[in-house]
Amino acid sequence: MSIKKFFQDAFSDMKENAKAQHEVDKANFEAAKAESKAQWEEAKLSPKKRQQKMQLERDAQIADAKARTAAANERIKKAKEQQ
């Protein structure tokens, strides 16, 4: 392999990697922009709507916690049965 071929391959690889990284950066930028807009729209909600949204989130967290508790209790029950 000649030095010229080595550098051509190296620069070709760098060019491809730069293009791929640009696509990743572009996608991350779009995601950050969309998240920022979502936060702005949520911040503009009326206090009553914001309270309703927060209550729905709390209800979901409570339901998740209850499901985890039930799963843990089931594991405890199975562990005791195996003894």
N, C-alpha and C. Protein backbone atom coordinates (compact mmCIF):
# COMPACT_ATOMS: atom_id res chain seq x y z
N MET A 1 0.85 -1.17 0.00
CA MET A 1 0.00 0.00 0.00
C MET A 1 0.90 1.24 0.00
N SER A 2 0.59 2.11 -0.91
CA SER A 2 1.41 3.32 -0.98
C SER A 2 0.91 4.35 0.02
N ILE A 3 1.75 5.31 0.28
CA ILE A 3 1.39 6.37 1.22
C ILE A 3 0.22 7.17 0.68
N LYS A 4 0.22 7.40 -0.62
CA LYS A 4 -0.87 8.16 -1.24
C LYS A 4 -2.21 7.44 -1.03
N LYS A 5 -2.23 6.13 -1.25
CA LYS A 5 -3.46 5.34 -1.06
C LYS A 5 -3.89 5.36 0.41
N PHE A 6 -2.92 5.26 1.31
CA PHE A 6 -3.21 5.28 2.74
C PHE A 6 -3.93 6.57 3.12
N PHE A 7 -3.40 7.71 2.66
CA PHE A 7 -4.01 9.00 3.00
C PHE A 7 -5.35 9.19 2.31
N GLN A 8 -5.49 8.69 1.10
CA GLN A 8 -6.79 8.78 0.42
C GLN A 8 -7.85 8.01 1.21
N ASP A 9 -7.49 6.80 1.66
CA ASP A 9 -8.44 6.01 2.45
C ASP A 9 -8.75 6.68 3.79
N ALA A 10 -7.71 7.22 4.42
CA ALA A 10 -7.91 7.87 5.72
C ALA A 10 -8.83 9.07 5.59
N PHE A 11 -8.58 9.91 4.58
CA PHE A 11 -9.42 11.09 4.41
C PHE A 11 -10.83 10.72 3.97
N SER A 12 -10.96 9.66 3.20
CA SER A 12 -12.28 9.19 2.81
C SER A 12 -13.07 8.73 4.04
N ASP A 13 -12.41 7.98 4.93
CA ASP A 13 -13.06 7.53 6.16
C ASP A 13 -13.46 8.71 7.03
N MET A 14 -12.57 9.70 7.14
CA MET A 14 -12.89 10.88 7.95
C MET A 14 -14.08 11.62 7.38
N LYS A 15 -14.17 11.71 6.06
CA LYS A 15 -15.29 12.39 5.41
C LYS A 15 -16.60 11.67 5.71
N GLU A 16 -16.60 10.34 5.62
CA GLU A 16 -17.80 9.56 5.90
C GLU A 16 -18.21 9.70 7.37
N ASN A 17 -17.22 9.65 8.27
CA ASN A 17 -17.51 9.80 9.69
C ASN A 17 -18.06 11.18 10.00
N ALA A 18 -17.53 12.20 9.35
CA ALA A 18 -18.02 13.57 9.57
C ALA A 18 -19.46 13.70 9.10
N LYS A 19 -19.80 13.09 7.96
CA LYS A 19 -21.18 13.12 7.47
C LYS A 19 -22.13 12.43 8.45
N ALA A 20 -21.70 11.26 8.94
CA ALA A 20 -22.54 10.50 9.88
C ALA A 20 -22.72 11.28 11.17
N GLN A 21 -21.65 11.88 11.68
CA GLN A 21 -21.75 12.66 12.92
C GLN A 21 -22.64 13.88 12.72
N HIS A 22 -22.59 14.47 11.53
CA HIS A 22 -23.45 15.62 11.23
C HIS A 22 -24.92 15.21 11.30
N GLU A 23 -25.24 14.04 10.79
CA GLU A 23 -26.63 13.55 10.85
C GLU A 23 -27.06 13.36 12.30
N VAL A 24 -26.17 12.81 13.13
CA VAL A 24 -26.48 12.61 14.55
C VAL A 24 -26.70 13.96 15.22
N ASP A 25 -25.80 14.90 14.96
CA ASP A 25 -25.93 16.23 15.55
C ASP A 25 -27.22 16.92 15.11
N LYS A 26 -27.56 16.77 13.84
CA LYS A 26 -28.79 17.37 13.32
C LYS A 26 -30.02 16.79 14.02
N ALA A 27 -30.03 15.48 14.19
CA ALA A 27 -31.17 14.82 14.85
C ALA A 27 -31.26 15.25 16.31
N ASN A 28 -30.12 15.33 17.00
CA ASN A 28 -30.13 15.77 18.40
C ASN A 28 -30.60 17.21 18.53
N PHE A 29 -30.20 18.07 17.58
CA PHE A 29 -30.62 19.46 17.61
C PHE A 29 -32.13 19.57 17.43
N GLU A 30 -32.67 18.80 16.48
CA GLU A 30 -34.13 18.81 16.25
C GLU A 30 -34.87 18.34 17.50
N ALA A 31 -34.35 17.31 18.16
CA ALA A 31 -34.99 16.80 19.37
C ALA A 31 -34.96 17.85 20.47
N ALA A 32 -33.82 18.52 20.66
CA ALA A 32 -33.71 19.55 21.69
C ALA A 32 -34.64 20.70 21.39
N LYS A 33 -34.75 21.06 20.12
CA LYS A 33 -35.64 22.16 19.72
C LYS A 33 -37.10 21.80 20.01
N ALA A 34 -37.49 20.57 19.69
CA ALA A 34 -38.86 20.13 19.94
C ALA A 34 -39.16 20.08 21.44
N GLU A 35 -38.19 19.59 22.23
CA GLU A 35 -38.39 19.54 23.68
C GLU A 35 -38.53 20.93 24.26
N SER A 36 -37.74 21.87 23.76
CA SER A 36 -37.81 23.24 24.22
C SER A 36 -39.18 23.85 23.91
N LYS A 37 -39.67 23.60 22.70
CA LYS A 37 -41.00 24.11 22.32
C LYS A 37 -42.08 23.48 23.19
N ALA A 38 -41.95 22.20 23.49
CA ALA A 38 -42.94 21.53 24.34
C ALA A 38 -42.95 22.14 25.74
N GLN A 39 -41.76 22.42 26.28
CA GLN A 39 -41.69 23.05 27.60
C GLN A 39 -42.32 24.43 27.57
N TRP A 40 -42.09 25.18 26.50
CA TRP A 40 -42.67 26.51 26.37
C TRP A 40 -44.19 26.44 26.32
N GLU A 41 -44.71 25.51 25.52
CA GLU A 41 -46.16 25.36 25.42
C GLU A 41 -46.76 24.94 26.76
N GLU A 42 -46.07 24.05 27.48
CA GLU A 42 -46.56 23.63 28.79
C GLU A 42 -46.53 24.78 29.78
N ALA A 43 -45.54 25.64 29.67
CA ALA A 43 -45.42 26.78 30.58
C ALA A 43 -46.55 27.78 30.35
N LYS A 44 -47.10 27.81 29.15
CA LYS A 44 -48.18 28.75 28.84
C LYS A 44 -49.55 28.25 29.29
N LEU A 45 -49.62 27.03 29.80
CA LEU A 45 -50.91 26.50 30.24
C LEU A 45 -51.46 27.34 31.38
N SER A 46 -52.78 27.38 31.47
CA SER A 46 -53.39 28.09 32.59
C SER A 46 -53.10 27.31 33.87
N PRO A 47 -53.16 28.00 35.01
CA PRO A 47 -52.88 27.30 36.27
C PRO A 47 -53.77 26.07 36.48
N LYS A 48 -55.03 26.17 36.09
CA LYS A 48 -55.95 25.04 36.26
C LYS A 48 -55.51 23.86 35.38
N LYS A 49 -55.16 24.12 34.14
CA LYS A 49 -54.71 23.06 33.23
C LYS A 49 -53.39 22.46 33.73
N ARG A 50 -52.50 23.30 34.24
CA ARG A 50 -51.22 22.83 34.76
C ARG A 50 -51.45 21.90 35.95
N GLN A 51 -52.39 22.27 36.83
CA GLN A 51 -52.71 21.43 37.98
C GLN A 51 -53.26 20.09 37.53
N GLN A 52 -54.13 20.11 36.51
CA GLN A 52 -54.69 18.86 36.00
C GLN A 52 -53.59 17.98 35.42
N LYS A 53 -52.67 18.57 34.67
CA LYS A 53 -51.56 17.81 34.08
C LYS A 53 -50.70 17.21 35.17
N MET A 54 -50.38 17.98 36.18
CA MET A 54 -49.56 17.48 37.28
C MET A 54 -50.27 16.36 38.02
N GLN A 55 -51.59 16.48 38.21
CA GLN A 55 -52.35 15.44 38.89
C GLN A 55 -52.32 14.15 38.09
N LEU A 56 -52.44 14.24 36.77
CA LEU A 56 -52.37 13.04 35.93
C LEU A 56 -51.00 12.38 36.05
N GLU A 57 -49.93 13.19 36.10
CA GLU A 57 -48.59 12.63 36.26
C GLU A 57 -48.44 11.95 37.62
N ARG A 58 -48.99 12.58 38.66
CA ARG A 58 -48.91 11.97 40.00
C ARG A 58 -49.70 10.66 40.04
N ASP A 59 -50.87 10.65 39.41
CA ASP A 59 -51.67 9.42 39.37
C ASP A 59 -50.91 8.29 38.67
N ALA A 60 -50.23 8.63 37.59
CA ALA A 60 -49.44 7.62 36.87
C ALA A 60 -48.30 7.11 37.74
N GLN A 61 -47.65 8.01 38.48
CA GLN A 61 -46.56 7.59 39.37
C GLN A 61 -47.08 6.70 40.49
N ILE A 62 -48.24 7.02 41.02
CA ILE A 62 -48.84 6.20 42.08
C ILE A 62 -49.18 4.82 41.55
N ALA A 63 -49.77 4.76 40.36
CA ALA A 63 -50.11 3.47 39.76
C ALA A 63 -48.86 2.63 39.52
N ASP A 64 -47.79 3.28 39.06
CA ASP A 64 -46.53 2.57 38.84
C ASP A 64 -45.97 2.04 40.15
N ALA A 65 -46.03 2.85 41.20
CA ALA A 65 -45.51 2.42 42.50
C ALA A 65 -46.32 1.24 43.05
N LYS A 66 -47.63 1.29 42.87
CA LYS A 66 -48.47 0.19 43.34
C LYS A 66 -48.17 -1.10 42.57
N ALA A 67 -47.92 -0.99 41.28
CA ALA A 67 -47.59 -2.17 40.48
C ALA A 67 -46.25 -2.75 40.92
N ARG A 68 -45.28 -1.88 41.19
CA ARG A 68 -43.97 -2.37 41.67
C ARG A 68 -44.11 -3.03 43.03
N THR A 69 -44.95 -2.47 43.91
CA THR A 69 -45.17 -3.06 45.22
C THR A 69 -45.81 -4.43 45.10
N ALA A 70 -46.79 -4.55 44.22
CA ALA A 70 -47.46 -5.84 44.02
C ALA A 70 -46.46 -6.87 43.47
N ALA A 71 -45.63 -6.47 42.55
CA ALA A 71 -44.63 -7.39 41.99
C ALA A 71 -43.63 -7.82 43.07
N ALA A 72 -43.22 -6.88 43.92
CA ALA A 72 -42.28 -7.22 44.99
C ALA A 72 -42.93 -8.17 46.00
N ASN A 73 -44.19 -7.91 46.33
CA ASN A 73 -44.90 -8.80 47.27
C ASN A 73 -45.03 -10.21 46.69
N GLU A 74 -45.27 -10.30 45.39
CA GLU A 74 -45.36 -11.61 44.74
C GLU A 74 -44.01 -12.33 44.80
N ARG A 75 -42.92 -11.61 44.59
CA ARG A 75 -41.58 -12.21 44.69
C ARG A 75 -41.31 -12.68 46.11
N ILE A 76 -41.74 -11.91 47.10
CA ILE A 76 -41.56 -12.29 48.50
C ILE A 76 -42.33 -13.58 48.78
N LYS A 77 -43.56 -13.64 48.29
CA LYS A 77 -44.42 -14.81 48.50
C LYS A 77 -43.76 -16.05 47.88
N LYS A 78 -43.25 -15.93 46.66
CA LYS A 78 -42.60 -17.07 46.00
C LYS A 78 -41.34 -17.49 46.70
N ALA A 79 -40.59 -16.53 47.22
CA ALA A 79 -39.36 -16.84 47.94
C ALA A 79 -39.68 -17.60 49.23
N LYS A 80 -40.73 -17.21 49.92
CA LYS A 80 -41.12 -17.88 51.16
C LYS A 80 -41.61 -19.30 50.88
N GLU A 81 -42.29 -19.48 49.75
CA GLU A 81 -42.81 -20.80 49.41
C GLU A 81 -41.66 -21.79 49.09
N GLN A 82 -40.57 -21.27 48.57
CA GLN A 82 -39.44 -22.11 48.19
C GLN A 82 -38.60 -22.54 49.38
N GLN A 83 -38.78 -21.92 50.51
CA GLN A 83 -37.95 -22.24 51.69
C GLN A 83 -38.36 -23.56 52.30
